[in-house]
PDB file of N, CA and C in Angstrom:
ATOM      1  N   MET A   1     -98.285 138.938 -45.779  1.00  0.00           N
ATOM      2  CA  MET A   1     -96.957 138.873 -46.375  1.00  0.00           C
ATOM      3  C   MET A   1     -96.932 137.366 -45.738  1.00  0.00           C
ATOM      4  N   GLN A   2     -97.566 136.491 -45.480  1.00  0.00           N
ATOM      5  CA  GLN A   2     -97.720 134.657 -45.375  1.00  0.00           C
ATOM      6  C   GLN A   2     -97.909 134.493 -46.714  1.00  0.00           C
ATOM      7  N   GLN A   3     -98.899 134.734 -47.329  1.00  0.00           N
ATOM      8  CA  GLN A   3     -99.630 134.519 -48.626  1.00  0.00           C
ATOM      9  C   GLN A   3     -97.758 134.862 -49.542  1.00  0.00           C
ATOM     10  N   ILE A   4     -97.195 136.402 -49.518  1.00  0.00           N
ATOM     11  CA  ILE A   4     -96.026 136.680 -50.207  1.00  0.00           C
ATOM     12  C   ILE A   4     -95.090 135.640 -50.250  1.00  0.00           C
ATOM     13  N   ASN A   5     -94.606 134.974 -48.665  1.00  0.00           N
ATOM     14  CA  ASN A   5     -93.877 133.752 -48.357  1.00  0.00           C
ATOM     15  C   ASN A   5     -94.485 132.673 -48.789  1.00  0.00           C
ATOM     16  N   THR A   6     -95.171 132.522 -48.762  1.00  0.00           N
ATOM     17  CA  THR A   6     -95.663 131.060 -49.162  1.00  0.00           C
ATOM     18  C   THR A   6     -95.512 130.658 -50.777  1.00  0.00           C
ATOM     19  N   GLU A   7     -96.107 131.647 -51.711  1.00  0.00           N
ATOM     20  CA  GLU A   7     -95.870 132.165 -53.049  1.00  0.00           C
ATOM     21  C   GLU A   7     -94.461 131.770 -53.314  1.00  0.00           C
ATOM     22  N   HIS A   8     -93.300 132.637 -52.832  1.00  0.00           N
ATOM     23  CA  HIS A   8     -91.776 132.573 -53.450  1.00  0.00           C
ATOM     24  C   HIS A   8     -91.564 131.203 -52.583  1.00  0.00           C
ATOM     25  N   THR A   9     -91.367 130.584 -51.679  1.00  0.00           N
ATOM     26  CA  THR A   9     -91.505 129.404 -51.290  1.00  0.00           C
ATOM     27  C   THR A   9     -91.382 128.519 -52.478  1.00  0.00           C
ATOM     28  N   LEU A  10     -92.532 128.415 -52.953  1.00  0.00           N
ATOM     29  CA  LEU A  10     -93.596 127.530 -54.123  1.00  0.00           C
ATOM     30  C   LEU A  10     -92.776 127.640 -55.280  1.00  0.00           C
ATOM     31  N   ASN A  11     -92.514 129.012 -55.411  1.00  0.00           N
ATOM     32  CA  ASN A  11     -91.857 129.407 -56.810  1.00  0.00           C
ATOM     33  C   ASN A  11     -90.097 129.132 -56.768  1.00  0.00           C
ATOM     34  N   VAL A  12     -89.590 129.333 -55.438  1.00  0.00           N
ATOM     35  CA  VAL A  12     -87.993 128.504 -55.461  1.00  0.00           C
ATOM     36  C   VAL A  12     -88.203 127.183 -55.242  1.00  0.00           C
ATOM     37  N   THR A  13     -89.063 126.341 -55.106  1.00  0.00           N
ATOM     38  CA  THR A  13     -89.354 124.794 -54.856  1.00  0.00           C
ATOM     39  C   THR A  13     -89.181 124.259 -56.168  1.00  0.00           C
ATOM     40  N   MET A  14     -90.634 124.911 -57.387  1.00  0.00           N
ATOM     41  CA  MET A  14     -90.202 124.509 -58.631  1.00  0.00           C
ATOM     42  C   MET A  14     -88.904 124.669 -59.690  1.00  0.00           C
ATOM     43  N   ALA A  15     -88.159 126.063 -58.935  1.00  0.00           N
ATOM     44  CA  ALA A  15     -86.914 126.163 -59.801  1.00  0.00           C
ATOM     45  C   ALA A  15     -85.916 124.839 -59.056  1.00  0.00           C
ATOM     46  N   MET A  16     -86.187 124.632 -58.235  1.00  0.00           N
ATOM     47  CA  MET A  16     -85.159 123.670 -57.630  1.00  0.00           C
ATOM     48  C   MET A  16     -85.320 122.196 -58.101  1.00  0.00           C
ATOM     49  N   ILE A  17     -87.220 121.562 -58.520  1.00  0.00           N
ATOM     50  CA  ILE A  17     -87.139 120.861 -59.234  1.00  0.00           C
ATOM     51  C   ILE A  17     -86.994 120.787 -60.203  1.00  0.00           C
ATOM     52  N   LEU A  18     -87.115 121.998 -61.088  1.00  0.00           N
ATOM     53  CA  LEU A  18     -86.163 121.962 -62.673  1.00  0.00           C
ATOM     54  C   LEU A  18     -85.186 121.473 -62.366  1.00  0.00           C
ATOM     55  N   ASN A  19     -84.110 122.178 -61.896  1.00  0.00           N
ATOM     56  CA  ASN A  19     -83.130 121.717 -61.722  1.00  0.00           C
ATOM     57  C   ASN A  19     -82.409 120.244 -61.455  1.00  0.00           C
ATOM     58  N   ILE A  20     -82.533 119.789 -60.226  1.00  0.00           N
ATOM     59  CA  ILE A  20     -82.722 118.599 -59.875  1.00  0.00           C
ATOM     60  C   ILE A  20     -83.280 117.425 -61.264  1.00  0.00           C
ATOM     61  N   GLY A  21     -84.191 117.591 -61.619  1.00  0.00           N
ATOM     62  CA  GLY A  21     -85.113 116.701 -62.919  1.00  0.00           C
ATOM     63  C   GLY A  21     -83.799 117.073 -64.053  1.00  0.00           C
ATOM     64  N   ASN A  22     -83.180 118.587 -64.295  1.00  0.00           N
ATOM     65  CA  ASN A  22     -82.448 118.603 -64.969  1.00  0.00           C
ATOM     66  C   ASN A  22     -80.889 117.760 -65.126  1.00  0.00           C
ATOM     67  N   ALA A  23     -80.764 117.749 -63.743  1.00  0.00           N
ATOM     68  CA  ALA A  23     -79.474 116.988 -63.484  1.00  0.00           C
ATOM     69  C   ALA A  23     -79.863 115.155 -63.370  1.00  0.00           C
ATOM     70  N   ARG A  24     -80.499 114.633 -62.975  1.00  0.00           N
ATOM     71  CA  ARG A  24     -81.040 113.453 -62.920  1.00  0.00           C
ATOM     72  C   ARG A  24     -81.075 112.656 -64.386  1.00  0.00           C
ATOM     73  N   SER A  25     -81.678 113.682 -65.340  1.00  0.00           N
ATOM     74  CA  SER A  25     -81.648 113.542 -66.724  1.00  0.00           C
ATOM     75  C   SER A  25     -80.346 113.434 -67.792  1.00  0.00           C
ATOM     76  N   LEU A  26     -79.228 114.275 -67.311  1.00  0.00           N
ATOM     77  CA  LEU A  26     -77.927 114.385 -67.560  1.00  0.00           C
ATOM     78  C   LEU A  26     -77.334 113.077 -66.907  1.00  0.00           C
ATOM     79  N   ILE A  27     -77.277 112.966 -66.043  1.00  0.00           N
ATOM     80  CA  ILE A  27     -77.092 112.078 -64.952  1.00  0.00           C
ATOM     81  C   ILE A  27     -77.484 110.373 -66.038  1.00  0.00           C
ATOM     82  N   ALA A  28     -78.371 110.425 -66.071  1.00  0.00           N
ATOM     83  CA  ALA A  28     -78.709 108.874 -66.905  1.00  0.00           C
ATOM     84  C   ALA A  28     -78.549 109.258 -68.447  1.00  0.00           C
ATOM     85  N   ALA A  29     -78.095 110.506 -68.996  1.00  0.00           N
ATOM     86  CA  ALA A  29     -77.738 110.244 -70.002  1.00  0.00           C
ATOM     87  C   ALA A  29     -76.031 109.969 -69.917  1.00  0.00           C
ATOM     88  N   ALA A  30     -75.382 110.794 -69.070  1.00  0.00           N
ATOM     89  CA  ALA A  30     -73.844 110.103 -69.123  1.00  0.00           C
ATOM     90  C   ALA A  30     -74.047 108.609 -68.702  1.00  0.00           C
ATOM     91  N   LEU A  31     -74.643 108.121 -67.987  1.00  0.00           N
ATOM     92  CA  LEU A  31     -74.623 106.164 -68.237  1.00  0.00           C
ATOM     93  C   LEU A  31     -74.868 106.096 -69.231  1.00  0.00           C
ATOM     94  N   ALA A  32     -75.997 106.295 -70.078  1.00  0.00           N
ATOM     95  CA  ALA A  32     -76.144 105.625 -71.210  1.00  0.00           C
ATOM     96  C   ALA A  32     -74.779 105.635 -72.495  1.00  0.00           C
ATOM     97  N   ASP A  33     -74.360 106.914 -72.467  1.00  0.00           N
ATOM     98  CA  ASP A  33     -72.337 107.134 -72.790  1.00  0.00           C
ATOM     99  C   ASP A  33     -71.607 106.194 -72.154  1.00  0.00           C
ATOM    100  N   VAL A  34     -71.856 106.162 -70.880  1.00  0.00           N
ATOM    101  CA  VAL A  34     -70.594 105.076 -70.397  1.00  0.00           C
ATOM    102  C   VAL A  34     -70.861 103.557 -71.105  1.00  0.00           C
ATOM    103  N   ALA A  35     -72.202 102.935 -71.209  1.00  0.00           N
ATOM    104  CA  ALA A  35     -72.655 101.720 -71.897  1.00  0.00           C
ATOM    105  C   ALA A  35     -71.868 101.937 -73.239  1.00  0.00           C
ATOM    106  N   GLY A  36     -71.488 102.735 -74.342  1.00  0.00           N
ATOM    107  CA  GLY A  36     -71.715 103.110 -75.451  1.00  0.00           C
ATOM    108  C   GLY A  36     -69.663 103.473 -75.937  1.00  0.00           C
ATOM    109  N   TYR A  37     -69.030 103.630 -74.122  1.00  0.00           N
ATOM    110  CA  TYR A  37     -67.549 103.453 -74.466  1.00  0.00           C
ATOM    111  C   TYR A  37     -67.659 105.265 -75.048  1.00  0.00           C
ATOM    112  N   ARG A  38     -68.474 106.233 -74.765  1.00  0.00           N
ATOM    113  CA  ARG A  38     -68.086 107.645 -74.764  1.00  0.00           C
ATOM    114  C   ARG A  38     -67.887 108.254 -73.630  1.00  0.00           C
ATOM    115  N   TYR A  39     -66.781 107.801 -73.227  1.00  0.00           N
ATOM    116  CA  TYR A  39     -66.093 108.786 -72.063  1.00  0.00           C
ATOM    117  C   TYR A  39     -66.133 110.334 -71.574  1.00  0.00           C
ATOM    118  N   GLN A  40     -65.639 110.980 -72.754  1.00  0.00           N
ATOM    119  CA  GLN A  40     -65.592 112.095 -72.973  1.00  0.00           C
ATOM    120  C   GLN A  40     -67.318 113.204 -72.743  1.00  0.00           C
ATOM    121  N   ALA A  41     -67.980 112.124 -73.647  1.00  0.00           N
ATOM    122  CA  ALA A  41     -69.369 112.694 -73.782  1.00  0.00           C
ATOM    123  C   ALA A  41     -70.404 112.711 -72.431  1.00  0.00           C
ATOM    124  N   ALA A  42     -69.696 111.573 -71.227  1.00  0.00           N
ATOM    125  CA  ALA A  42     -70.413 111.716 -70.084  1.00  0.00           C
ATOM    126  C   ALA A  42     -69.653 112.603 -69.066  1.00  0.00           C
ATOM    127  N   ARG A  43     -68.473 112.666 -69.211  1.00  0.00           N
ATOM    128  CA  ARG A  43     -67.972 113.993 -68.547  1.00  0.00           C
ATOM    129  C   ARG A  43     -68.288 114.927 -68.733  1.00  0.00           C
ATOM    130  N   GLU A  44     -68.876 115.559 -69.735  1.00  0.00           N
ATOM    131  CA  GLU A  44     -68.977 116.522 -70.345  1.00  0.00           C
ATOM    132  C   GLU A  44     -71.119 116.621 -69.836  1.00  0.00           C
ATOM    133  N   LYS A  45     -71.746 115.680 -69.888  1.00  0.00           N
ATOM    134  CA  LYS A  45     -73.115 115.544 -69.149  1.00  0.00           C
ATOM    135  C   LYS A  45     -72.723 115.839 -67.499  1.00  0.00           C
ATOM    136  N   MET A  46     -71.988 115.365 -67.120  1.00  0.00           N
ATOM    137  CA  MET A  46     -71.479 115.044 -65.382  1.00  0.00           C
ATOM    138  C   MET A  46     -71.245 116.350 -65.099  1.00  0.00           C
ATOM    139  N   GLN A  47     -70.513 117.323 -65.949  1.00  0.00           N
ATOM    140  CA  GLN A  47     -70.124 118.456 -65.575  1.00  0.00           C
ATOM    141  C   GLN A  47     -71.633 119.210 -65.553  1.00  0.00           C
ATOM    142  N   ARG A  48     -72.255 118.810 -66.355  1.00  0.00           N
ATOM    143  CA  ARG A  48     -73.548 119.938 -66.391  1.00  0.00           C
ATOM    144  C   ARG A  48     -74.741 119.867 -65.371  1.00  0.00           C
ATOM    145  N   ALA A  49     -74.613 118.309 -65.081  1.00  0.00           N
ATOM    146  CA  ALA A  49     -75.398 117.739 -63.873  1.00  0.00           C
ATOM    147  C   ALA A  49     -74.952 118.659 -62.984  1.00  0.00           C
ATOM    148  N   GLU A  50     -73.715 118.438 -62.376  1.00  0.00           N
ATOM    149  CA  GLU A  50     -73.231 119.128 -61.591  1.00  0.00           C
ATOM    150  C   GLU A  50     -73.450 121.042 -61.047  1.00  0.00           C
ATOM    151  N   ALA A  51     -73.386 121.686 -62.437  1.00  0.00           N
ATOM    152  CA  ALA A  51     -73.855 122.900 -62.674  1.00  0.00           C
ATOM    153  C   ALA A  51     -75.425 122.916 -62.175  1.00  0.00           C
ATOM    154  N   GLU A  52     -76.254 122.193 -62.359  1.00  0.00           N
ATOM    155  CA  GLU A  52     -77.694 121.705 -62.073  1.00  0.00           C
ATOM    156  C   GLU A  52     -78.009 121.551 -60.735  1.00  0.00           C
ATOM    157  N   LEU A  53     -77.127 120.586 -60.160  1.00  0.00           N
ATOM    158  CA  LEU A  53     -77.495 120.680 -58.841  1.00  0.00           C
ATOM    159  C   LEU A  53     -76.632 121.451 -57.903  1.00  0.00           C
ATOM    160  N   LEU A  54     -75.821 122.351 -58.373  1.00  0.00           N
ATOM    161  CA  LEU A  54     -75.419 123.783 -57.762  1.00  0.00           C
ATOM    162  C   LEU A  54     -75.951 124.841 -57.613  1.00  0.00           C
ATOM    163  N   THR A  55     -77.225 124.792 -58.657  1.00  0.00           N
ATOM    164  CA  THR A  55     -78.088 125.630 -58.665  1.00  0.00           C
ATOM    165  C   THR A  55     -79.264 125.509 -57.549  1.00  0.00           C
ATOM    166  N   ALA A  56     -79.476 124.072 -57.942  1.00  0.00           N
ATOM    167  CA  ALA A  56     -80.648 123.695 -56.695  1.00  0.00           C
ATOM    168  C   ALA A  56     -80.073 123.994 -55.110  1.00  0.00           C
ATOM    169  N   GLN A  57     -78.775 123.385 -55.234  1.00  0.00           N
ATOM    170  CA  GLN A  57     -78.688 123.692 -53.463  1.00  0.00           C
ATOM    171  C   GLN A  57     -78.222 125.254 -52.987  1.00  0.00           C
ATOM    172  N   GLN A  58     -77.746 125.809 -53.929  1.00  0.00           N
ATOM    173  CA  GLN A  58     -78.013 127.690 -53.991  1.00  0.00           C
ATOM    174  C   GLN A  58     -79.670 127.723 -53.556  1.00  0.00           C
ATOM    175  N   LEU A  59     -80.256 127.468 -54.400  1.00  0.00           N
ATOM    176  CA  LEU A  59     -81.517 127.906 -54.242  1.00  0.00           C
ATOM    177  C   LEU A  59     -82.097 127.549 -52.559  1.00  0.00           C
ATOM    178  N   GLN A  60     -81.968 126.563 -52.241  1.00  0.00           N
ATOM    179  CA  GLN A  60     -82.687 125.810 -51.650  1.00  0.00           C
ATOM    180  C   GLN A  60     -81.724 126.440 -50.314  1.00  0.00           C
ATOM    181  N   ALA A  61     -80.579 126.448 -50.052  1.00  0.00           N
ATOM    182  CA  ALA A  61     -79.869 127.435 -48.906  1.00  0.00           C
ATOM    183  C   ALA A  61     -80.133 128.698 -48.919  1.00  0.00           C
ATOM    184  N   ARG A  62     -81.007 129.409 -49.635  1.00  0.00           N
ATOM    185  CA  ARG A  62     -81.085 131.136 -50.217  1.00  0.00           C
ATOM    186  C   ARG A  62     -82.127 131.200 -49.694  1.00  0.00           C
ATOM    187  N   ARG A  63     -82.795 129.808 -49.540  1.00  0.00           N
ATOM    188  CA  ARG A  63     -85.038 129.738 -49.176  1.00  0.00           C
ATOM    189  C   ARG A  63     -84.632 129.432 -47.479  1.00  0.00           C
ATOM    190  N   LEU A  64     -83.538 128.491 -47.128  1.00  0.00           N
ATOM    191  CA  LEU A  64     -83.343 128.657 -45.524  1.00  0.00           C
ATOM    192  C   LEU A  64     -82.884 129.425 -45.111  1.00  0.00           C
ATOM    193  N   VAL A  65     -82.066 130.380 -45.272  1.00  0.00           N
ATOM    194  CA  VAL A  65     -81.582 131.586 -44.558  1.00  0.00           C
ATOM    195  C   VAL A  65     -82.865 132.666 -44.753  1.00  0.00           C
ATOM    196  N   GLU A  66     -83.466 132.551 -45.755  1.00  0.00           N
ATOM    197  CA  GLU A  66     -84.755 133.487 -45.987  1.00  0.00           C
ATOM    198  C   GLU A  66     -85.847 133.220 -44.437  1.00  0.00           C
ATOM    199  N   ASN A  67     -86.044 132.107 -44.486  1.00  0.00           N
ATOM    200  CA  ASN A  67     -86.486 131.654 -43.027  1.00  0.00           C
ATOM    201  C   ASN A  67     -86.175 131.658 -41.762  1.00  0.00           C
ATOM    202  N   ALA A  68     -84.986 131.917 -41.969  1.00  0.00           N
ATOM    203  CA  ALA A  68     -84.316 131.841 -40.718  1.00  0.00           C
ATOM    204  C   ALA A  68     -84.294 133.337 -40.349  1.00  0.00           C
ATOM    205  N   GLU A  69     -83.985 134.285 -41.159  1.00  0.00           N
ATOM    206  CA  GLU A  69     -84.092 135.729 -40.941  1.00  0.00           C
ATOM    207  C   GLU A  69     -85.450 136.552 -40.739  1.00  0.00           C
ATOM    208  N   ALA A  70     -86.160 135.722 -41.322  1.00  0.00           N
ATOM    209  CA  ALA A  70     -87.657 136.248 -41.023  1.00  0.00           C
ATOM    210  C   ALA A  70     -88.206 135.642 -39.836  1.00  0.00           C
ATOM    211  N   HIS A  71     -87.536 134.708 -39.272  1.00  0.00           N
ATOM    212  CA  HIS A  71     -88.250 134.107 -38.029  1.00  0.00           C
ATOM    213  C   HIS A  71     -89.542 133.544 -37.907  1.00  0.00           C
ATOM    214  N   CYS A  72     -89.810 133.232 -39.562  1.00  0.00           N
ATOM    215  CA  CYS A  72     -90.900 132.768 -39.777  1.00  0.00           C
ATOM    216  C   CYS A  72     -90.775 131.387 -40.918  1.00  0.00           C
ATOM    217  N   PHE A  73     -90.730 130.196 -40.201  1.00  0.00           N
ATOM    218  CA  PHE A  73     -90.718 129.368 -41.002  1.00  0.00           C
ATOM    219  C   PHE A  73     -91.749 128.712 -41.892  1.00  0.00           C
ATOM    220  N   VAL A  74     -91.917 128.660 -43.352  1.00  0.00           N
ATOM    221  CA  VAL A  74     -92.968 128.496 -43.984  1.00  0.00           C
ATOM    222  C   VAL A  74     -92.953 127.009 -44.455  1.00  0.00           C
ATOM    223  N   HIS A  75     -93.874 126.455 -44.078  1.00  0.00           N
ATOM    224  CA  HIS A  75     -94.021 124.905 -43.964  1.00  0.00           C
ATOM    225  C   HIS A  75     -94.366 124.627 -45.168  1.00  0.00           C
ATOM    226  N   SER A  76     -93.293 122.951 -46.122  1.00  0.00           N
ATOM    227  CA  SER A  76     -93.735 123.507 -47.594  1.00  0.00           C
ATOM    228  C   SER A  76     -93.529 122.115 -47.809  1.00  0.00           C
ATOM    229  N   THR A  77     -94.170 120.717 -47.723  1.00  0.00           N
ATOM    230  CA  THR A  77     -94.461 119.552 -48.076  1.00  0.00           C
ATOM    231  C   THR A  77     -93.460 119.258 -49.358  1.00  0.00           C
ATOM    232  N   LEU A  78     -93.775 120.421 -50.510  1.00  0.00           N
ATOM    233  CA  LEU A  78     -93.483 120.250 -51.196  1.00  0.00           C
ATOM    234  C   LEU A  78     -91.593 120.657 -51.212  1.00  0.00           C
ATOM    235  N   PHE A  79     -91.675 121.694 -50.648  1.00  0.00           N
ATOM    236  CA  PHE A  79     -90.126 122.109 -49.988  1.00  0.00           C
ATOM    237  C   PHE A  79     -89.212 121.077 -49.295  1.00  0.00           C
ATOM    238  N   MET A  80     -89.812 120.227 -48.950  1.00  0.00           N
ATOM    239  CA  MET A  80     -89.104 119.305 -48.001  1.00  0.00           C
ATOM    240  C   MET A  80     -89.205 118.286 -48.702  1.00  0.00           C
ATOM    241  N   ASN A  81     -90.037 117.522 -49.724  1.00  0.00           N
ATOM    242  CA  ASN A  81     -89.537 116.663 -50.786  1.00  0.00           C
ATOM    243  C   ASN A  81     -88.526 116.958 -51.886  1.00  0.00           C
ATOM    244  N   ALA A  82     -88.734 118.296 -52.164  1.00  0.00           N
ATOM    245  CA  ALA A  82     -87.243 118.621 -53.084  1.00  0.00           C
ATOM    246  C   ALA A  82     -86.295 118.563 -52.490  1.00  0.00           C
ATOM    247  N   GLN A  83     -86.041 119.104 -51.627  1.00  0.00           N
ATOM    248  CA  GLN A  83     -84.845 118.791 -50.489  1.00  0.00           C
ATOM    249  C   GLN A  83     -84.679 117.226 -50.365  1.00  0.00           C
ATOM    250  N   ALA A  84     -85.202 116.151 -50.341  1.00  0.00           N
ATOM    251  CA  ALA A  84     -85.431 114.686 -50.172  1.00  0.00           C
ATOM    252  C   ALA A  84     -84.457 114.389 -50.819  1.00  0.00           C
ATOM    253  N   THR A  85     -85.151 115.173 -52.662  1.00  0.00           N
ATOM    254  CA  THR A  85     -84.503 114.440 -53.964  1.00  0.00           C
ATOM    255  C   THR A  85     -83.720 114.618 -54.222  1.00  0.00           C
ATOM    256  N   LEU A  86     -83.079 116.311 -54.006  1.00  0.00           N
ATOM    257  CA  LEU A  86     -81.900 116.852 -54.191  1.00  0.00           C
ATOM    258  C   LEU A  86     -80.552 116.026 -53.677  1.00  0.00           C
ATOM    259  N   VAL A  87     -81.109 115.172 -52.487  1.00  0.00           N
ATOM    260  CA  VAL A  87     -80.151 114.362 -51.693  1.00  0.00           C
ATOM    261  C   VAL A  87     -79.705 113.687 -52.325  1.00  0.00           C
ATOM    262  N   LYS A  88     -81.040 112.835 -52.653  1.00  0.00           N
ATOM    263  CA  LYS A  88     -80.943 111.448 -53.573  1.00  0.00           C
ATOM    264  C   LYS A  88     -80.040 112.026 -54.973  1.00  0.00           C
ATOM    265  N   VAL A  89     -80.279 112.907 -55.710  1.00  0.00           N
ATOM    266  CA  VAL A  89     -80.199 112.940 -57.002  1.00  0.00           C
ATOM    267  C   VAL A  89     -78.066 113.317 -56.778  1.00  0.00           C
ATOM    268  N   MET A  90     -78.003 114.231 -55.665  1.00  0.00           N
ATOM    269  CA  MET A  90     -76.801 113.868 -55.575  1.00  0.00           C
ATOM    270  C   MET A  90     -75.994 112.747 -55.038  1.00  0.00           C
ATOM    271  N   SER A  91     -76.659 111.966 -54.421  1.00  0.00           N
ATOM    272  CA  SER A  91     -75.584 110.814 -54.330  1.00  0.00           C
ATOM    273  C   SER A  91     -75.579 109.917 -55.862  1.00  0.00           C
ATOM    274  N   GLU A  92     -76.767 109.232 -56.164  1.00  0.00           N
ATOM    275  CA  GLU A  92     -77.042 109.232 -57.600  1.00  0.00           C
ATOM    276  C   GLU A  92     -75.476 110.015 -58.475  1.00  0.00           C
ATOM    277  N   PHE A  93     -75.419 111.195 -58.464  1.00  0.00           N
ATOM    278  CA  PHE A  93     -74.515 111.996 -59.142  1.00  0.00           C
ATOM    279  C   PHE A  93     -72.519 111.353 -59.107  1.00  0.00           C
ATOM    280  N   HIS A  94     -73.009 111.107 -57.928  1.00  0.00           N
ATOM    281  CA  HIS A  94     -71.643 110.773 -56.937  1.00  0.00           C
ATOM    282  C   HIS A  94     -71.215 109.419 -57.585  1.00  0.00           C
ATOM    283  N   MET A  95     -72.522 108.400 -57.282  1.00  0.00           N
ATOM    284  CA  MET A  95     -72.266 107.224 -57.853  1.00  0.00           C
ATOM    285  C   MET A  95     -71.774 106.923 -59.288  1.00  0.00           C
ATOM    286  N   THR A  96     -72.307 107.677 -60.316  1.00  0.00           N
ATOM    287  CA  THR A  96     -72.431 108.007 -61.451  1.00  0.00           C
ATOM    288  C   THR A  96     -70.257 108.508 -61.764  1.00  0.00           C
ATOM    289  N   GLN A  97     -70.488 109.276 -60.977  1.00  0.00           N
ATOM    290  CA  GLN A  97     -68.718 109.887 -61.734  1.00  0.00           C
ATOM    291  C   GLN A  97     -67.655 108.652 -61.103  1.00  0.00           C
ATOM    292  N   ASN A  98     -68.019 108.019 -59.503  1.00  0.00           N
ATOM    293  CA  ASN A  98     -67.189 106.946 -59.713  1.00  0.00           C
ATOM    294  C   ASN A  98     -67.305 105.853 -60.853  1.00  0.00           C
ATOM    295  N   LEU A  99     -68.761 105.866 -61.202  1.00  0.00           N
ATOM    296  CA  LEU A  99     -68.501 104.410 -62.323  1.00  0.00           C
ATOM    297  C   LEU A  99     -68.129 105.127 -63.803  1.00  0.00           C
ATOM    298  N   VAL A 100     -68.061 106.410 -64.183  1.00  0.00           N
ATOM    299  CA  VAL A 100     -67.417 106.906 -65.339  1.00  0.00           C
ATOM    300  C   VAL A 100     -65.790 106.661 -65.022  1.00  0.00           C
ATOM    301  N   SER A 101     -65.415 107.131 -64.366  1.00  0.00           N
ATOM    302  CA  SER A 101     -63.828 106.948 -63.809  1.00  0.00           C
ATOM    303  C   SER A 101     -63.456 105.307 -63.824  1.00  0.00           C
ATOM    304  N   ALA A 102     -64.262 104.650 -63.096  1.00  0.00           N
ATOM    305  CA  ALA A 102     -63.750 103.286 -62.921  1.00  0.00           C
ATOM    306  C   ALA A 102     -63.823 102.600 -64.546  1.00  0.00           C
ATOM    307  N   PHE A 103     -65.178 102.832 -65.101  1.00  0.00           N
ATOM    308  CA  PHE A 103     -64.778 102.801 -66.388  1.00  0.00           C
ATOM    309  C   PHE A 103     -64.163 102.662 -67.435  1.00  0.00           C
ATOM    310  N   GLU A 104     -63.735 104.099 -67.647  1.00  0.00           N
ATOM    311  CA  GLU A 104     -63.112 104.976 -67.909  1.00  0.00           C
ATOM    312  C   GLU A 104     -61.631 104.030 -68.190  1.00  0.00           C
ATOM    313  N   HIS A 105     -61.300 103.817 -66.821  1.00  0.00           N
ATOM    314  CA  HIS A 105     -59.956 103.197 -66.691  1.00  0.00           C
ATOM    315  C   HIS A 105     -59.967 101.746 -67.004  1.00  0.00           C
ATOM    316  N   TRP A 106     -61.042 101.312 -66.739  1.00  0.00           N
ATOM    317  CA  TRP A 106     -61.488  99.769 -67.295  1.00  0.00           C
ATOM    318  C   TRP A 106     -60.848  99.154 -68.956  1.00  0.00           C
ATOM    319  N   GLU A 107     -60.446  98.113 -69.105  1.00  0.00           N
ATOM    320  CA  GLU A 107     -60.160  97.712 -70.956  1.00  0.00           C
ATOM    321  C   GLU A 107     -61.178  96.540 -70.922  1.00  0.00           C
ATOM    322  N   PRO A 108     -61.890  96.308 -71.740  1.00  0.00           N
ATOM    323  CA  PRO A 108     -62.279  94.822 -71.871  1.00  0.00           C
ATOM    324  C   PRO A 108     -61.698  93.864 -72.554  1.00  0.00           C
ATOM    325  N   GLU A 109     -61.435  92.496 -71.635  1.00  0.00           N
ATOM    326  CA  GLU A 109     -60.911  91.484 -72.302  1.00  0.00           C
ATOM    327  C   GLU A 109     -60.837  91.761 -73.974  1.00  0.00           C
ATOM    328  N   GLN A 110     -60.052  90.814 -74.564  1.00  0.00           N
ATOM    329  CA  GLN A 110     -60.505  91.047 -75.882  1.00  0.00           C
ATOM    330  C   GLN A 110     -60.677  89.608 -76.225  1.00  0.00           C
TER     331      GLN A 110
END
């Protein structure tokens, strides 16, 4: 049972990592769009990044609930690092959202 639980945690963690990585790549691409004054493209990428982060959050929450219901917490350093990275990327997401809005409303001096 413990091995199945550990393997499940690993599978969930790897799925989280993929979603988080996809979100981070989309955020970086959105910033590149902002630099090129392509605000609509940036917003589209941010929507996709948000969906990736939401999926990662749902995976995280589901795994935490499963651990609580089983009354057996599987310690996983990888899972803990994925959680920390999720928080960091969510912060990057929110900062980038604000930057897109700020730059979209800013007009360069002519």
